[in-house]
Amino acid sequence: MDLGEHAFVDAVSDLPFLGWCRCKPDCNYFQTGDAEAAGSAWIHIDDDDAPRVWLQLDRDCAAIVGMEIHDFELS
């Protein structure tokens, strides 16, 4: 891992699970913070040129308020 990756993994693993999105039965988005504070900024973590995890930031880009996981089934 590169410098800083351990801190990032620790921060993401400590995020609370506050519930699944209910937009459709197979949606892979879940809330980790205040949904009303959600902004339009996203961070994506890639694997072989394709985004695998999307982290939604709050409007101040100071906290992760949601996460969407792609390319595998969570149910």
N, C-alpha and C. Protein backbone atom coordinates (compact mmCIF):
# COMPACT_ATOMS: atom_id res chain seq x y z
N MET A 1 0.83 -1.19 0.00
CA MET A 1 0.00 0.00 0.00
C MET A 1 0.87 1.24 0.00
N ASP A 2 0.40 2.26 -0.67
CA ASP A 2 1.11 3.54 -0.70
C ASP A 2 0.87 4.28 0.61
N LEU A 3 1.73 5.25 0.85
CA LEU A 3 1.61 6.09 2.03
C LEU A 3 0.22 6.72 2.09
N GLY A 4 -0.45 6.59 3.20
CA GLY A 4 -1.78 7.16 3.37
C GLY A 4 -2.91 6.19 3.13
N GLU A 5 -2.64 5.08 2.43
CA GLU A 5 -3.71 4.13 2.15
C GLU A 5 -4.23 3.46 3.42
N HIS A 6 -3.34 3.17 4.36
CA HIS A 6 -3.79 2.55 5.61
C HIS A 6 -4.75 3.47 6.36
N ALA A 7 -4.43 4.75 6.42
CA ALA A 7 -5.31 5.71 7.09
C ALA A 7 -6.66 5.80 6.38
N PHE A 8 -6.62 5.76 5.05
CA PHE A 8 -7.87 5.81 4.29
C PHE A 8 -8.72 4.57 4.56
N VAL A 9 -8.11 3.40 4.55
CA VAL A 9 -8.83 2.16 4.82
C VAL A 9 -9.41 2.19 6.22
N ASP A 10 -8.66 2.65 7.19
CA ASP A 10 -9.16 2.75 8.56
C ASP A 10 -10.36 3.68 8.64
N ALA A 11 -10.29 4.82 7.96
CA ALA A 11 -11.39 5.80 7.99
C ALA A 11 -12.64 5.22 7.35
N VAL A 12 -12.50 4.56 6.21
CA VAL A 12 -13.67 4.00 5.53
C VAL A 12 -14.26 2.84 6.32
N SER A 13 -13.41 2.02 6.92
CA SER A 13 -13.93 0.87 7.68
C SER A 13 -14.66 1.30 8.95
N ASP A 14 -14.39 2.51 9.43
CA ASP A 14 -15.08 3.01 10.63
C ASP A 14 -16.38 3.75 10.33
N LEU A 15 -16.75 3.87 9.04
CA LEU A 15 -17.99 4.57 8.70
C LEU A 15 -19.20 3.79 9.22
N PRO A 16 -20.18 4.47 9.75
CA PRO A 16 -21.38 3.77 10.22
C PRO A 16 -22.26 3.33 9.05
N PHE A 17 -22.97 2.27 9.24
CA PHE A 17 -23.98 1.84 8.27
C PHE A 17 -25.32 2.37 8.77
N LEU A 18 -25.93 3.29 8.00
CA LEU A 18 -27.18 3.92 8.43
C LEU A 18 -28.38 3.48 7.61
N GLY A 19 -28.18 2.56 6.69
CA GLY A 19 -29.30 2.03 5.92
C GLY A 19 -29.05 2.02 4.43
N TRP A 20 -29.74 1.11 3.76
CA TRP A 20 -29.67 0.98 2.30
C TRP A 20 -30.55 1.99 1.62
N CYS A 21 -30.17 2.38 0.43
CA CYS A 21 -31.01 3.20 -0.43
C CYS A 21 -32.23 2.35 -0.81
N ARG A 22 -33.36 2.96 -0.95
CA ARG A 22 -34.59 2.24 -1.28
C ARG A 22 -35.12 2.60 -2.67
N CYS A 23 -34.23 3.13 -3.54
CA CYS A 23 -34.69 3.56 -4.86
C CYS A 23 -35.12 2.38 -5.72
N LYS A 24 -34.48 1.24 -5.54
CA LYS A 24 -34.84 0.01 -6.25
C LYS A 24 -34.26 -1.16 -5.46
N PRO A 25 -34.81 -2.35 -5.62
CA PRO A 25 -34.39 -3.49 -4.79
C PRO A 25 -32.91 -3.87 -4.90
N ASP A 26 -32.29 -3.64 -6.05
CA ASP A 26 -30.90 -4.04 -6.20
C ASP A 26 -29.91 -2.88 -6.14
N CYS A 27 -30.30 -1.76 -5.58
CA CYS A 27 -29.41 -0.61 -5.44
C CYS A 27 -28.30 -0.96 -4.44
N ASN A 28 -27.06 -0.61 -4.78
CA ASN A 28 -25.89 -0.92 -3.94
C ASN A 28 -25.38 0.28 -3.17
N TYR A 29 -26.23 1.30 -2.98
CA TYR A 29 -25.84 2.51 -2.26
C TYR A 29 -26.33 2.39 -0.82
N PHE A 30 -25.46 2.76 0.11
CA PHE A 30 -25.91 2.84 1.50
C PHE A 30 -25.40 4.12 2.13
N GLN A 31 -26.17 4.55 3.11
CA GLN A 31 -25.93 5.82 3.79
C GLN A 31 -24.94 5.62 4.94
N THR A 32 -23.97 6.53 5.05
CA THR A 32 -22.99 6.49 6.13
C THR A 32 -22.97 7.80 6.92
N GLY A 33 -23.81 8.74 6.52
CA GLY A 33 -23.85 10.05 7.18
C GLY A 33 -25.18 10.72 6.91
N ASP A 34 -25.27 11.99 7.23
CA ASP A 34 -26.49 12.76 7.10
C ASP A 34 -26.88 12.93 5.62
N ALA A 35 -27.96 12.30 5.21
CA ALA A 35 -28.40 12.36 3.81
C ALA A 35 -28.72 13.79 3.38
N GLU A 36 -29.21 14.61 4.29
CA GLU A 36 -29.54 15.99 3.94
C GLU A 36 -28.29 16.83 3.68
N ALA A 37 -27.14 16.37 4.15
CA ALA A 37 -25.89 17.10 3.93
C ALA A 37 -25.17 16.64 2.67
N ALA A 38 -25.70 15.64 1.97
CA ALA A 38 -25.04 15.08 0.80
C ALA A 38 -24.84 16.13 -0.28
N GLY A 39 -23.66 16.12 -0.86
CA GLY A 39 -23.34 17.05 -1.94
C GLY A 39 -23.22 16.30 -3.26
N SER A 40 -22.66 16.98 -4.23
CA SER A 40 -22.54 16.38 -5.56
C SER A 40 -21.14 15.82 -5.83
N ALA A 41 -20.24 15.93 -4.87
CA ALA A 41 -18.87 15.43 -5.05
C ALA A 41 -18.79 13.95 -4.69
N TRP A 42 -18.12 13.21 -5.55
CA TRP A 42 -17.93 11.77 -5.35
C TRP A 42 -16.45 11.43 -5.54
N ILE A 43 -15.98 10.47 -4.81
CA ILE A 43 -14.64 9.90 -4.99
C ILE A 43 -14.85 8.47 -5.48
N HIS A 44 -14.13 8.08 -6.52
CA HIS A 44 -14.26 6.69 -6.94
C HIS A 44 -12.94 5.96 -6.78
N ILE A 45 -13.04 4.71 -6.39
CA ILE A 45 -11.89 3.84 -6.22
C ILE A 45 -11.96 2.83 -7.35
N ASP A 46 -10.91 2.80 -8.15
CA ASP A 46 -10.91 1.99 -9.36
C ASP A 46 -10.15 0.69 -9.19
N ASP A 47 -10.51 -0.23 -10.06
CA ASP A 47 -9.81 -1.50 -10.17
C ASP A 47 -9.80 -1.89 -11.64
N ASP A 48 -8.65 -1.88 -12.27
CA ASP A 48 -8.55 -2.22 -13.69
C ASP A 48 -9.43 -1.34 -14.57
N ASP A 49 -9.32 -0.04 -14.42
CA ASP A 49 -9.99 0.95 -15.26
C ASP A 49 -11.49 1.10 -15.03
N ALA A 50 -12.05 0.44 -14.06
CA ALA A 50 -13.50 0.57 -13.80
C ALA A 50 -13.72 0.94 -12.34
N PRO A 51 -14.60 1.91 -12.08
CA PRO A 51 -14.91 2.27 -10.70
C PRO A 51 -15.57 1.09 -9.98
N ARG A 52 -15.10 0.78 -8.81
CA ARG A 52 -15.67 -0.30 -8.01
C ARG A 52 -16.43 0.23 -6.79
N VAL A 53 -15.93 1.31 -6.24
CA VAL A 53 -16.57 1.91 -5.06
C VAL A 53 -16.67 3.41 -5.28
N TRP A 54 -17.83 3.97 -5.02
CA TRP A 54 -18.05 5.41 -5.09
C TRP A 54 -18.36 5.90 -3.67
N LEU A 55 -17.66 6.93 -3.25
CA LEU A 55 -17.89 7.55 -1.95
C LEU A 55 -18.51 8.92 -2.17
N GLN A 56 -19.69 9.14 -1.61
CA GLN A 56 -20.35 10.44 -1.75
C GLN A 56 -19.97 11.33 -0.58
N LEU A 57 -19.55 12.55 -0.89
CA LEU A 57 -19.13 13.50 0.14
C LEU A 57 -20.25 14.46 0.49
N ASP A 58 -20.13 15.06 1.67
CA ASP A 58 -21.09 16.10 2.04
C ASP A 58 -20.79 17.37 1.25
N ARG A 59 -21.63 18.38 1.42
CA ARG A 59 -21.47 19.62 0.64
C ARG A 59 -20.14 20.34 0.92
N ASP A 60 -19.57 20.14 2.10
CA ASP A 60 -18.30 20.76 2.45
C ASP A 60 -17.09 19.90 2.05
N CYS A 61 -17.36 18.74 1.49
CA CYS A 61 -16.30 17.77 1.12
C CYS A 61 -15.44 17.42 2.34
N ALA A 62 -16.09 17.34 3.50
CA ALA A 62 -15.39 17.05 4.74
C ALA A 62 -15.74 15.68 5.32
N ALA A 63 -16.82 15.07 4.84
CA ALA A 63 -17.25 13.79 5.39
C ALA A 63 -17.87 12.93 4.29
N ILE A 64 -17.77 11.63 4.47
CA ILE A 64 -18.39 10.68 3.55
C ILE A 64 -19.79 10.39 4.06
N VAL A 65 -20.79 10.65 3.24
CA VAL A 65 -22.18 10.46 3.67
C VAL A 65 -22.85 9.26 3.02
N GLY A 66 -22.18 8.66 2.04
CA GLY A 66 -22.75 7.49 1.39
C GLY A 66 -21.71 6.75 0.59
N MET A 67 -22.02 5.50 0.28
CA MET A 67 -21.10 4.65 -0.46
C MET A 67 -21.90 3.77 -1.41
N GLU A 68 -21.41 3.64 -2.63
CA GLU A 68 -22.02 2.75 -3.61
C GLU A 68 -20.98 1.76 -4.08
N ILE A 69 -21.29 0.49 -4.00
CA ILE A 69 -20.35 -0.57 -4.34
C ILE A 69 -20.83 -1.26 -5.61
N HIS A 70 -19.92 -1.41 -6.57
CA HIS A 70 -20.26 -2.00 -7.87
C HIS A 70 -19.55 -3.33 -8.10
N ASP A 71 -20.06 -4.05 -9.04
CA ASP A 71 -19.43 -5.23 -9.61
C ASP A 71 -19.48 -6.48 -8.74
N PHE A 72 -20.27 -6.50 -7.71
CA PHE A 72 -20.57 -7.74 -7.03
C PHE A 72 -21.90 -7.59 -6.33
N GLU A 73 -22.55 -8.69 -6.09
CA GLU A 73 -23.89 -8.68 -5.51
C GLU A 73 -23.81 -8.66 -3.99
N LEU A 74 -24.51 -7.74 -3.38
CA LEU A 74 -24.50 -7.61 -1.93
C LEU A 74 -25.60 -8.38 -1.23
N SER A 75 -26.64 -8.76 -1.96
CA SER A 75 -27.79 -9.40 -1.30
C SER A 75 -27.60 -10.88 -1.09
